[in-house]
Amino acid sequence: MTGGLAYGHVSYLAQTFFNPVASYPAAFSKMETGWTVGGGAEWALNQNWSLKLEYLYYKLGTETATAQRAPVVTPPFQMQYIWQTTAQIARVGVNYRFGGPVVANY
């Protein structure tokens, strides 16, 4: 089991078009912080080989942006964008351990 702080640089980009009248662009990037939780298991097949399975979920928060009509600002015509930065990661792996057991000879 694992859990803790998560962080990363994210970029957000959105644009809605109402052709040919208007477009509503929004774009920015920033460092986000959040949390992560996950777990995994590993099974030994024999002395040298094992299989593993891991799962990780992270959430870096929610961002919003309000876009004005481009190129002319004309309230109250605005578009609000909402981004939720989350991900789920699953990994499957095969491991090989080199060498055999260490045996002490006295």
PDB file of N, CA and C in Angstrom:
ATOM      1  N   MET A   1       0.839  -1.169   0.000  1.00  0.00           N
ATOM      2  CA  MET A   1       0.000   0.000   0.000  1.00  0.00           C
ATOM      3  C   MET A   1       0.886   1.236   0.000  1.00  0.00           C
ATOM      4  N   THR A   2       0.480   2.258  -0.736  1.00  0.00           N
ATOM      5  CA  THR A   2       1.234   3.506  -0.790  1.00  0.00           C
ATOM      6  C   THR A   2       0.276   4.681  -0.818  1.00  0.00           C
ATOM      7  N   GLY A   3       0.755   5.831  -0.437  1.00  0.00           N
ATOM      8  CA  GLY A   3      -0.053   7.041  -0.473  1.00  0.00           C
ATOM      9  C   GLY A   3       0.789   8.228  -0.084  1.00  0.00           C
ATOM     10  N   GLY A   4       0.359   9.407  -0.486  1.00  0.00           N
ATOM     11  CA  GLY A   4       1.097  10.595  -0.109  1.00  0.00           C
ATOM     12  C   GLY A   4       0.904  11.745  -1.059  1.00  0.00           C
ATOM     13  N   LEU A   5       1.885  12.639  -1.060  1.00  0.00           N
ATOM     14  CA  LEU A   5       1.875  13.854  -1.859  1.00  0.00           C
ATOM     15  C   LEU A   5       2.162  13.537  -3.323  1.00  0.00           C
ATOM     16  N   ALA A   6       1.445  14.206  -4.206  1.00  0.00           N
ATOM     17  CA  ALA A   6       1.702  14.109  -5.646  1.00  0.00           C
ATOM     18  C   ALA A   6       1.839  15.526  -6.192  1.00  0.00           C
ATOM     19  N   TYR A   7       2.694  15.700  -7.186  1.00  0.00           N
ATOM     20  CA  TYR A   7       2.839  17.008  -7.821  1.00  0.00           C
ATOM     21  C   TYR A   7       3.274  16.823  -9.258  1.00  0.00           C
ATOM     22  N   GLY A   8       3.007  17.828 -10.079  1.00  0.00           N
ATOM     23  CA  GLY A   8       3.409  17.763 -11.467  1.00  0.00           C
ATOM     24  C   GLY A   8       3.064  19.038 -12.198  1.00  0.00           C
ATOM     25  N   HIS A   9       3.752  19.274 -13.295  1.00  0.00           N
ATOM     26  CA  HIS A   9       3.491  20.433 -14.150  1.00  0.00           C
ATOM     27  C   HIS A   9       2.430  20.024 -15.166  1.00  0.00           C
ATOM     28  N   VAL A  10       1.330  20.755 -15.203  1.00  0.00           N
ATOM     29  CA  VAL A  10       0.234  20.429 -16.113  1.00  0.00           C
ATOM     30  C   VAL A  10      -0.066  21.617 -17.023  1.00  0.00           C
ATOM     31  N   SER A  11      -0.580  21.325 -18.203  1.00  0.00           N
ATOM     32  CA  SER A  11      -0.985  22.352 -19.162  1.00  0.00           C
ATOM     33  C   SER A  11      -2.458  22.172 -19.472  1.00  0.00           C
ATOM     34  N   TYR A  12      -3.181  23.280 -19.493  1.00  0.00           N
ATOM     35  CA  TYR A  12      -4.611  23.275 -19.778  1.00  0.00           C
ATOM     36  C   TYR A  12      -4.860  24.080 -21.050  1.00  0.00           C
ATOM     37  N   LEU A  13      -5.738  23.566 -21.902  1.00  0.00           N
ATOM     38  CA  LEU A  13      -6.046  24.239 -23.153  1.00  0.00           C
ATOM     39  C   LEU A  13      -7.475  23.914 -23.544  1.00  0.00           C
ATOM     40  N   ALA A  14      -8.240  24.935 -23.871  1.00  0.00           N
ATOM     41  CA  ALA A  14      -9.614  24.733 -24.338  1.00  0.00           C
ATOM     42  C   ALA A  14      -9.999  25.886 -25.251  1.00  0.00           C
ATOM     43  N   GLN A  15     -10.866  25.605 -26.209  1.00  0.00           N
ATOM     44  CA  GLN A  15     -11.386  26.656 -27.070  1.00  0.00           C
ATOM     45  C   GLN A  15     -12.719  26.187 -27.631  1.00  0.00           C
ATOM     46  N   THR A  16     -13.713  27.021 -27.470  1.00  0.00           N
ATOM     47  CA  THR A  16     -15.041  26.737 -28.002  1.00  0.00           C
ATOM     48  C   THR A  16     -15.323  27.723 -29.118  1.00  0.00           C
ATOM     49  N   PHE A  17     -15.804  27.222 -30.242  1.00  0.00           N
ATOM     50  CA  PHE A  17     -16.093  28.065 -31.402  1.00  0.00           C
ATOM     51  C   PHE A  17     -17.594  28.153 -31.622  1.00  0.00           C
ATOM     52  N   PHE A  18     -18.059  29.342 -31.905  1.00  0.00           N
ATOM     53  CA  PHE A  18     -19.407  29.574 -32.406  1.00  0.00           C
ATOM     54  C   PHE A  18     -19.217  30.276 -33.746  1.00  0.00           C
ATOM     55  N   ASN A  19     -18.865  29.500 -34.760  1.00  0.00           N
ATOM     56  CA  ASN A  19     -18.510  30.044 -36.071  1.00  0.00           C
ATOM     57  C   ASN A  19     -19.713  30.670 -36.739  1.00  0.00           C
ATOM     58  N   PRO A  20     -19.528  31.713 -37.475  1.00  0.00           N
ATOM     59  CA  PRO A  20     -18.308  32.515 -37.618  1.00  0.00           C
ATOM     60  C   PRO A  20     -18.253  33.671 -36.628  1.00  0.00           C
ATOM     61  N   VAL A  21     -19.073  33.649 -35.620  1.00  0.00           N
ATOM     62  CA  VAL A  21     -19.249  34.806 -34.742  1.00  0.00           C
ATOM     63  C   VAL A  21     -18.154  34.960 -33.694  1.00  0.00           C
ATOM     64  N   ALA A  22     -17.843  33.901 -32.951  1.00  0.00           N
ATOM     65  CA  ALA A  22     -16.942  34.080 -31.807  1.00  0.00           C
ATOM     66  C   ALA A  22     -16.202  32.801 -31.459  1.00  0.00           C
ATOM     67  N   SER A  23     -15.111  32.992 -30.744  1.00  0.00           N
ATOM     68  CA  SER A  23     -14.397  31.877 -30.131  1.00  0.00           C
ATOM     69  C   SER A  23     -14.048  32.276 -28.701  1.00  0.00           C
ATOM     70  N   TYR A  24     -13.893  31.259 -27.846  1.00  0.00           N
ATOM     71  CA  TYR A  24     -13.631  31.483 -26.426  1.00  0.00           C
ATOM     72  C   TYR A  24     -12.413  30.667 -26.012  1.00  0.00           C
ATOM     73  N   PRO A  25     -11.185  31.221 -26.163  1.00  0.00           N
ATOM     74  CA  PRO A  25      -9.972  30.467 -25.835  1.00  0.00           C
ATOM     75  C   PRO A  25      -9.552  30.617 -24.371  1.00  0.00           C
ATOM     76  N   ALA A  26      -8.945  29.582 -23.850  1.00  0.00           N
ATOM     77  CA  ALA A  26      -8.339  29.609 -22.516  1.00  0.00           C
ATOM     78  C   ALA A  26      -7.165  28.640 -22.516  1.00  0.00           C
ATOM     79  N   ALA A  27      -6.017  29.092 -22.010  1.00  0.00           N
ATOM     80  CA  ALA A  27      -4.830  28.237 -21.949  1.00  0.00           C
ATOM     81  C   ALA A  27      -3.889  28.756 -20.871  1.00  0.00           C
ATOM     82  N   PHE A  28      -3.331  27.840 -20.101  1.00  0.00           N
ATOM     83  CA  PHE A  28      -2.302  28.174 -19.133  1.00  0.00           C
ATOM     84  C   PHE A  28      -1.655  26.884 -18.650  1.00  0.00           C
ATOM     85  N   SER A  29      -0.509  27.011 -18.029  1.00  0.00           N
ATOM     86  CA  SER A  29       0.157  25.855 -17.431  1.00  0.00           C
ATOM     87  C   SER A  29       0.709  26.280 -16.078  1.00  0.00           C
ATOM     88  N   LYS A  30       0.826  25.310 -15.180  1.00  0.00           N
ATOM     89  CA  LYS A  30       1.280  25.599 -13.828  1.00  0.00           C
ATOM     90  C   LYS A  30       1.670  24.319 -13.110  1.00  0.00           C
ATOM     91  N   MET A  31       2.297  24.472 -11.955  1.00  0.00           N
ATOM     92  CA  MET A  31       2.637  23.348 -11.093  1.00  0.00           C
ATOM     93  C   MET A  31       1.435  23.083 -10.189  1.00  0.00           C
ATOM     94  N   GLU A  32       0.994  21.818 -10.135  1.00  0.00           N
ATOM     95  CA  GLU A  32      -0.143  21.428  -9.301  1.00  0.00           C
ATOM     96  C   GLU A  32       0.320  20.447  -8.232  1.00  0.00           C
ATOM     97  N   THR A  33      -0.320  20.499  -7.079  1.00  0.00           N
ATOM     98  CA  THR A  33      -0.066  19.524  -6.020  1.00  0.00           C
ATOM     99  C   THR A  33      -1.369  18.840  -5.651  1.00  0.00           C
ATOM    100  N   GLY A  34      -1.264  17.631  -5.154  1.00  0.00           N
ATOM    101  CA  GLY A  34      -2.437  16.859  -4.768  1.00  0.00           C
ATOM    102  C   GLY A  34      -2.018  15.646  -3.962  1.00  0.00           C
ATOM    103  N   TRP A  35      -2.717  14.553  -4.181  1.00  0.00           N
ATOM    104  CA  TRP A  35      -2.466  13.341  -3.408  1.00  0.00           C
ATOM    105  C   TRP A  35      -2.484  12.120  -4.316  1.00  0.00           C
ATOM    106  N   THR A  36      -1.945  11.012  -3.791  1.00  0.00           N
ATOM    107  CA  THR A  36      -1.930   9.752  -4.521  1.00  0.00           C
ATOM    108  C   THR A  36      -2.143   8.595  -3.554  1.00  0.00           C
ATOM    109  N   VAL A  37      -2.696   7.513  -4.060  1.00  0.00           N
ATOM    110  CA  VAL A  37      -2.893   6.298  -3.281  1.00  0.00           C
ATOM    111  C   VAL A  37      -2.804   5.106  -4.240  1.00  0.00           C
ATOM    112  N   GLY A  38      -2.315   3.986  -3.748  1.00  0.00           N
ATOM    113  CA  GLY A  38      -2.196   2.815  -4.607  1.00  0.00           C
ATOM    114  C   GLY A  38      -1.759   1.592  -3.831  1.00  0.00           C
ATOM    115  N   GLY A  39      -1.540   0.535  -4.571  1.00  0.00           N
ATOM    116  CA  GLY A  39      -1.123  -0.717  -3.960  1.00  0.00           C
ATOM    117  C   GLY A  39      -0.637  -1.679  -5.020  1.00  0.00           C
ATOM    118  N   GLY A  40      -0.125  -2.789  -4.567  1.00  0.00           N
ATOM    119  CA  GLY A  40       0.371  -3.774  -5.511  1.00  0.00           C
ATOM    120  C   GLY A  40       0.677  -5.090  -4.831  1.00  0.00           C
ATOM    121  N   ALA A  41       1.033  -6.057  -5.660  1.00  0.00           N
ATOM    122  CA  ALA A  41       1.380  -7.389  -5.166  1.00  0.00           C
ATOM    123  C   ALA A  41       2.432  -7.990  -6.095  1.00  0.00           C
ATOM    124  N   GLU A  42       3.235  -8.882  -5.528  1.00  0.00           N
ATOM    125  CA  GLU A  42       4.247  -9.583  -6.311  1.00  0.00           C
ATOM    126  C   GLU A  42       4.231 -11.057  -5.930  1.00  0.00           C
ATOM    127  N   TRP A  43       4.300 -11.916  -6.941  1.00  0.00           N
ATOM    128  CA  TRP A  43       4.246 -13.359  -6.739  1.00  0.00           C
ATOM    129  C   TRP A  43       5.523 -13.992  -7.275  1.00  0.00           C
ATOM    130  N   ALA A  44       6.187 -14.793  -6.447  1.00  0.00           N
ATOM    131  CA  ALA A  44       7.395 -15.495  -6.868  1.00  0.00           C
ATOM    132  C   ALA A  44       6.992 -16.746  -7.650  1.00  0.00           C
ATOM    133  N   LEU A  45       7.520 -16.888  -8.848  1.00  0.00           N
ATOM    134  CA  LEU A  45       7.266 -18.075  -9.662  1.00  0.00           C
ATOM    135  C   LEU A  45       8.273 -19.177  -9.328  1.00  0.00           C
ATOM    136  N   ASN A  46       9.513 -18.769  -9.085  1.00  0.00           N
ATOM    137  CA  ASN A  46      10.572 -19.674  -8.637  1.00  0.00           C
ATOM    138  C   ASN A  46      11.654 -18.810  -8.002  1.00  0.00           C
ATOM    139  N   GLN A  47      12.855 -19.339  -7.871  1.00  0.00           N
ATOM    140  CA  GLN A  47      13.926 -18.625  -7.185  1.00  0.00           C
ATOM    141  C   GLN A  47      14.301 -17.319  -7.888  1.00  0.00           C
ATOM    142  N   ASN A  48      14.178 -17.239  -9.199  1.00  0.00           N
ATOM    143  CA  ASN A  48      14.643 -16.067  -9.937  1.00  0.00           C
ATOM    144  C   ASN A  48      13.528 -15.224 -10.572  1.00  0.00           C
ATOM    145  N   TRP A  49      12.379 -15.792 -10.839  1.00  0.00           N
ATOM    146  CA  TRP A  49      11.335 -15.076 -11.585  1.00  0.00           C
ATOM    147  C   TRP A  49      10.153 -14.719 -10.682  1.00  0.00           C
ATOM    148  N   SER A  50       9.591 -13.524 -10.916  1.00  0.00           N
ATOM    149  CA  SER A  50       8.377 -13.115 -10.203  1.00  0.00           C
ATOM    150  C   SER A  50       7.508 -12.252 -11.116  1.00  0.00           C
ATOM    151  N   LEU A  51       6.220 -12.229 -10.803  1.00  0.00           N
ATOM    152  CA  LEU A  51       5.249 -11.384 -11.500  1.00  0.00           C
ATOM    153  C   LEU A  51       4.766 -10.317 -10.527  1.00  0.00           C
ATOM    154  N   LYS A  52       4.467  -9.107 -11.059  1.00  0.00           N
ATOM    155  CA  LYS A  52       3.946  -8.062 -10.184  1.00  0.00           C
ATOM    156  C   LYS A  52       2.794  -7.326 -10.851  1.00  0.00           C
ATOM    157  N   LEU A  53       1.922  -6.789 -10.010  1.00  0.00           N
ATOM    158  CA  LEU A  53       0.770  -6.007 -10.439  1.00  0.00           C
ATOM    159  C   LEU A  53       0.688  -4.796  -9.524  1.00  0.00           C
ATOM    160  N   GLU A  54       0.602  -3.591 -10.105  1.00  0.00           N
ATOM    161  CA  GLU A  54       0.546  -2.354  -9.336  1.00  0.00           C
ATOM    162  C   GLU A  54      -0.584  -1.466  -9.845  1.00  0.00           C
ATOM    163  N   TYR A  55      -1.177  -0.700  -8.937  1.00  0.00           N
ATOM    164  CA  TYR A  55      -2.227   0.260  -9.290  1.00  0.00           C
ATOM    165  C   TYR A  55      -1.950   1.560  -8.547  1.00  0.00           C
ATOM    166  N   LEU A  56      -2.126   2.690  -9.231  1.00  0.00           N
ATOM    167  CA  LEU A  56      -1.895   4.000  -8.630  1.00  0.00           C
ATOM    168  C   LEU A  56      -2.958   4.967  -9.127  1.00  0.00           C
ATOM    169  N   TYR A  57      -3.546   5.725  -8.197  1.00  0.00           N
ATOM    170  CA  TYR A  57      -4.507   6.781  -8.531  1.00  0.00           C
ATOM    171  C   TYR A  57      -3.958   8.087  -7.987  1.00  0.00           C
ATOM    172  N   TYR A  58      -3.990   9.148  -8.823  1.00  0.00           N
ATOM    173  CA  TYR A  58      -3.594  10.449  -8.286  1.00  0.00           C
ATOM    174  C   TYR A  58      -4.578  11.524  -8.707  1.00  0.00           C
ATOM    175  N   LYS A  59      -4.671  12.553  -7.867  1.00  0.00           N
ATOM    176  CA  LYS A  59      -5.535  13.697  -8.132  1.00  0.00           C
ATOM    177  C   LYS A  59      -4.748  14.963  -7.824  1.00  0.00           C
ATOM    178  N   LEU A  60      -4.627  15.815  -8.836  1.00  0.00           N
ATOM    179  CA  LEU A  60      -3.863  17.051  -8.691  1.00  0.00           C
ATOM    180  C   LEU A  60      -4.771  18.278  -8.620  1.00  0.00           C
ATOM    181  N   GLY A  61      -6.019  18.092  -8.279  1.00  0.00           N
ATOM    182  CA  GLY A  61      -6.891  19.233  -8.060  1.00  0.00           C
ATOM    183  C   GLY A  61      -7.759  19.599  -9.245  1.00  0.00           C
ATOM    184  N   THR A  62      -8.469  20.710  -9.064  1.00  0.00           N
ATOM    185  CA  THR A  62      -9.408  21.219 -10.058  1.00  0.00           C
ATOM    186  C   THR A  62      -9.051  22.662 -10.378  1.00  0.00           C
ATOM    187  N   GLU A  63      -9.067  23.005 -11.640  1.00  0.00           N
ATOM    188  CA  GLU A  63      -8.805  24.370 -12.093  1.00  0.00           C
ATOM    189  C   GLU A  63      -9.979  24.865 -12.924  1.00  0.00           C
ATOM    190  N   THR A  64     -10.248  26.143 -12.845  1.00  0.00           N
ATOM    191  CA  THR A  64     -11.298  26.752 -13.665  1.00  0.00           C
ATOM    192  C   THR A  64     -10.733  27.970 -14.376  1.00  0.00           C
ATOM    193  N   ALA A  65     -11.329  28.297 -15.498  1.00  0.00           N
ATOM    194  CA  ALA A  65     -10.973  29.500 -16.248  1.00  0.00           C
ATOM    195  C   ALA A  65     -12.227  30.027 -16.921  1.00  0.00           C
ATOM    196  N   THR A  66     -12.351  31.330 -16.936  1.00  0.00           N
ATOM    197  CA  THR A  66     -13.463  31.983 -17.624  1.00  0.00           C
ATOM    198  C   THR A  66     -12.900  32.691 -18.843  1.00  0.00           C
ATOM    199  N   ALA A  67     -13.397  32.339 -20.006  1.00  0.00           N
ATOM    200  CA  ALA A  67     -12.895  32.890 -21.259  1.00  0.00           C
ATOM    201  C   ALA A  67     -13.852  33.954 -21.780  1.00  0.00           C
ATOM    202  N   GLN A  68     -13.274  35.068 -22.172  1.00  0.00           N
ATOM    203  CA  GLN A  68     -14.029  36.141 -22.807  1.00  0.00           C
ATOM    204  C   GLN A  68     -14.081  35.885 -24.313  1.00  0.00           C
ATOM    205  N   ARG A  69     -15.013  36.484 -24.953  1.00  0.00           N
ATOM    206  CA  ARG A  69     -15.120  36.343 -26.399  1.00  0.00           C
ATOM    207  C   ARG A  69     -13.919  36.985 -27.068  1.00  0.00           C
ATOM    208  N   ALA A  70     -13.294  36.268 -27.975  1.00  0.00           N
ATOM    209  CA  ALA A  70     -12.141  36.797 -28.702  1.00  0.00           C
ATOM    210  C   ALA A  70     -12.571  37.182 -30.113  1.00  0.00           C
ATOM    211  N   PRO A  71     -12.137  38.284 -30.666  1.00  0.00           N
ATOM    212  CA  PRO A  71     -11.168  39.234 -30.133  1.00  0.00           C
ATOM    213  C   PRO A  71     -11.805  40.355 -29.301  1.00  0.00           C
ATOM    214  N   VAL A  72     -13.118  40.458 -29.256  1.00  0.00           N
ATOM    215  CA  VAL A  72     -13.781  41.557 -28.552  1.00  0.00           C
ATOM    216  C   VAL A  72     -14.375  41.045 -27.243  1.00  0.00           C
ATOM    217  N   VAL A  73     -14.119  41.770 -26.154  1.00  0.00           N
ATOM    218  CA  VAL A  73     -14.682  41.413 -24.855  1.00  0.00           C
ATOM    219  C   VAL A  73     -16.088  42.001 -24.773  1.00  0.00           C
ATOM    220  N   THR A  74     -17.070  41.107 -24.677  1.00  0.00           N
ATOM    221  CA  THR A  74     -18.468  41.559 -24.652  1.00  0.00           C
ATOM    222  C   THR A  74     -19.244  40.796 -23.591  1.00  0.00           C
ATOM    223  N   PRO A  75     -19.119  41.181 -22.313  1.00  0.00           N
ATOM    224  CA  PRO A  75     -19.935  40.522 -21.297  1.00  0.00           C
ATOM    225  C   PRO A  75     -21.402  40.691 -21.618  1.00  0.00           C
ATOM    226  N   PRO A  76     -22.277  39.832 -21.266  1.00  0.00           N
ATOM    227  CA  PRO A  76     -22.074  38.694 -20.380  1.00  0.00           C
ATOM    228  C   PRO A  76     -21.761  37.406 -21.128  1.00  0.00           C
ATOM    229  N   PHE A  77     -21.323  37.499 -22.371  1.00  0.00           N
ATOM    230  CA  PHE A  77     -21.027  36.298 -23.140  1.00  0.00           C
ATOM    231  C   PHE A  77     -19.648  35.770 -22.774  1.00  0.00           C
ATOM    232  N   GLN A  78     -19.634  34.764 -21.908  1.00  0.00           N
ATOM    233  CA  GLN A  78     -18.399  34.149 -21.436  1.00  0.00           C
ATOM    234  C   GLN A  78     -18.566  32.630 -21.443  1.00  0.00           C
ATOM    235  N   MET A  79     -17.439  31.947 -21.407  1.00  0.00           N
ATOM    236  CA  MET A  79     -17.428  30.491 -21.345  1.00  0.00           C
ATOM    237  C   MET A  79     -16.571  30.089 -20.145  1.00  0.00           C
ATOM    238  N   GLN A  80     -17.094  29.220 -19.288  1.00  0.00           N
ATOM    239  CA  GLN A  80     -16.310  28.759 -18.148  1.00  0.00           C
ATOM    240  C   GLN A  80     -15.881  27.319 -18.385  1.00  0.00           C
ATOM    241  N   TYR A  81     -14.575  27.080 -18.201  1.00  0.00           N
ATOM    242  CA  TYR A  81     -13.997  25.749 -18.355  1.00  0.00           C
ATOM    243  C   TYR A  81     -13.598  25.224 -16.987  1.00  0.00           C
ATOM    244  N   ILE A  82     -13.775  23.935 -16.774  1.00  0.00           N
ATOM    245  CA  ILE A  82     -13.384  23.284 -15.527  1.00  0.00           C
ATOM    246  C   ILE A  82     -12.566  22.035 -15.877  1.00  0.00           C
ATOM    247  N   TRP A  83     -11.354  21.956 -15.327  1.00  0.00           N
ATOM    248  CA  TRP A  83     -10.474  20.810 -15.544  1.00  0.00           C
ATOM    249  C   TRP A  83     -10.254  20.085 -14.228  1.00  0.00           C
ATOM    250  N   GLN A  84     -10.375  18.765 -14.236  1.00  0.00           N
ATOM    251  CA  GLN A  84     -10.030  17.937 -13.078  1.00  0.00           C
ATOM    252  C   GLN A  84      -8.850  17.066 -13.490  1.00  0.00           C
ATOM    253  N   THR A  85      -7.733  17.271 -12.831  1.00  0.00           N
ATOM    254  CA  THR A  85      -6.512  16.563 -13.193  1.00  0.00           C
ATOM    255  C   THR A  85      -6.382  15.307 -12.336  1.00  0.00           C
ATOM    256  N   THR A  86      -6.780  14.169 -12.905  1.00  0.00           N
ATOM    257  CA  THR A  86      -6.701  12.875 -12.228  1.00  0.00           C
ATOM    258  C   THR A  86      -6.186  11.832 -13.216  1.00  0.00           C
ATOM    259  N   ALA A  87      -5.667  10.751 -12.674  1.00  0.00           N
ATOM    260  CA  ALA A  87      -5.239   9.644 -13.535  1.00  0.00           C
ATOM    261  C   ALA A  87      -5.236   8.354 -12.733  1.00  0.00           C
ATOM    262  N   GLN A  88      -5.406   7.254 -13.455  1.00  0.00           N
ATOM    263  CA  GLN A  88      -5.301   5.909 -12.895  1.00  0.00           C
ATOM    264  C   GLN A  88      -4.242   5.169 -13.707  1.00  0.00           C
ATOM    265  N   ILE A  89      -3.294   4.595 -13.015  1.00  0.00           N
ATOM    266  CA  ILE A  89      -2.188   3.897 -13.669  1.00  0.00           C
ATOM    267  C   ILE A  89      -2.163   2.452 -13.183  1.00  0.00           C
ATOM    268  N   ALA A  90      -2.128   1.515 -14.112  1.00  0.00           N
ATOM    269  CA  ALA A  90      -1.997   0.091 -13.780  1.00  0.00           C
ATOM    270  C   ALA A  90      -0.738  -0.428 -14.474  1.00  0.00           C
ATOM    271  N   ARG A  91       0.054  -1.184 -13.736  1.00  0.00           N
ATOM    272  CA  ARG A  91       1.281  -1.754 -14.287  1.00  0.00           C
ATOM    273  C   ARG A  91       1.316  -3.249 -14.021  1.00  0.00           C
ATOM    274  N   VAL A  92       1.813  -3.980 -15.004  1.00  0.00           N
ATOM    275  CA  VAL A  92       2.044  -5.407 -14.882  1.00  0.00           C
ATOM    276  C   VAL A  92       3.507  -5.618 -15.237  1.00  0.00           C
ATOM    277  N   GLY A  93       4.204  -6.420 -14.453  1.00  0.00           N
ATOM    278  CA  GLY A  93       5.617  -6.599 -14.723  1.00  0.00           C
ATOM    279  C   GLY A  93       6.113  -7.998 -14.434  1.00  0.00           C
ATOM    280  N   VAL A  94       7.243  -8.307 -15.026  1.00  0.00           N
ATOM    281  CA  VAL A  94       7.961  -9.566 -14.803  1.00  0.00           C
ATOM    282  C   VAL A  94       9.358  -9.179 -14.329  1.00  0.00           C
ATOM    283  N   ASN A  95       9.788  -9.764 -13.233  1.00  0.00           N
ATOM    284  CA  ASN A  95      11.116  -9.476 -12.681  1.00  0.00           C
ATOM    285  C   ASN A  95      11.996 -10.712 -12.742  1.00  0.00           C
ATOM    286  N   TYR A  96      13.280 -10.459 -12.961  1.00  0.00           N
ATOM    287  CA  TYR A  96      14.268 -11.531 -12.901  1.00  0.00           C
ATOM    288  C   TYR A  96      15.353 -11.113 -11.923  1.00  0.00           C
ATOM    289  N   ARG A  97      15.656 -11.954 -10.969  1.00  0.00           N
ATOM    290  CA  ARG A  97      16.699 -11.700  -9.991  1.00  0.00           C
ATOM    291  C   ARG A  97      17.929 -12.490 -10.396  1.00  0.00           C
ATOM    292  N   PHE A  98      19.045 -11.782 -10.636  1.00  0.00           N
ATOM    293  CA  PHE A  98      20.293 -12.415 -11.038  1.00  0.00           C
ATOM    294  C   PHE A  98      20.978 -13.049  -9.840  1.00  0.00           C
ATOM    295  N   GLY A  99      21.618 -14.188 -10.065  1.00  0.00           N
ATOM    296  CA  GLY A  99      22.362 -14.868  -9.006  1.00  0.00           C
ATOM    297  C   GLY A  99      21.452 -15.747  -8.167  1.00  0.00           C
ATOM    298  N   GLY A 100      22.056 -16.518  -7.361  1.00  0.00           N
ATOM    299  CA  GLY A 100      21.321 -17.417  -6.467  1.00  0.00           C
ATOM    300  C   GLY A 100      21.406 -16.915  -5.040  1.00  0.00           C
ATOM    301  N   PRO A 101      20.990 -17.727  -4.120  1.00  0.00           N
ATOM    302  CA  PRO A 101      21.044 -17.324  -2.713  1.00  0.00           C
ATOM    303  C   PRO A 101      22.481 -17.195  -2.250  1.00  0.00           C
ATOM    304  N   VAL A 102      22.699 -16.293  -1.314  1.00  0.00           N
ATOM    305  CA  VAL A 102      24.029 -16.108  -0.741  1.00  0.00           C
ATOM    306  C   VAL A 102      24.195 -17.101   0.401  1.00  0.00           C
ATOM    307  N   VAL A 103      25.231 -17.918   0.309  1.00  0.00           N
ATOM    308  CA  VAL A 103      25.511 -18.925   1.330  1.00  0.00           C
ATOM    309  C   VAL A 103      26.872 -18.632   1.919  1.00  0.00           C
ATOM    310  N   ALA A 104      26.933 -18.480   3.202  1.00  0.00           N
ATOM    311  CA  ALA A 104      28.206 -18.194   3.858  1.00  0.00           C
ATOM    312  C   ALA A 104      28.990 -19.489   4.067  1.00  0.00           C
ATOM    313  N   ASN A 105      30.267 -19.486   3.724  1.00  0.00           N
ATOM    314  CA  ASN A 105      31.155 -20.625   3.947  1.00  0.00           C
ATOM    315  C   ASN A 105      32.200 -20.211   4.979  1.00  0.00           C
ATOM    316  N   TYR A 106      32.255 -20.930   6.092  1.00  0.00           N
ATOM    317  CA  TYR A 106      33.226 -20.636   7.145  1.00  0.00           C
ATOM    318  C   TYR A 106      34.261 -21.718   7.230  1.00  0.00           C
TER     319      TYR A 106
END
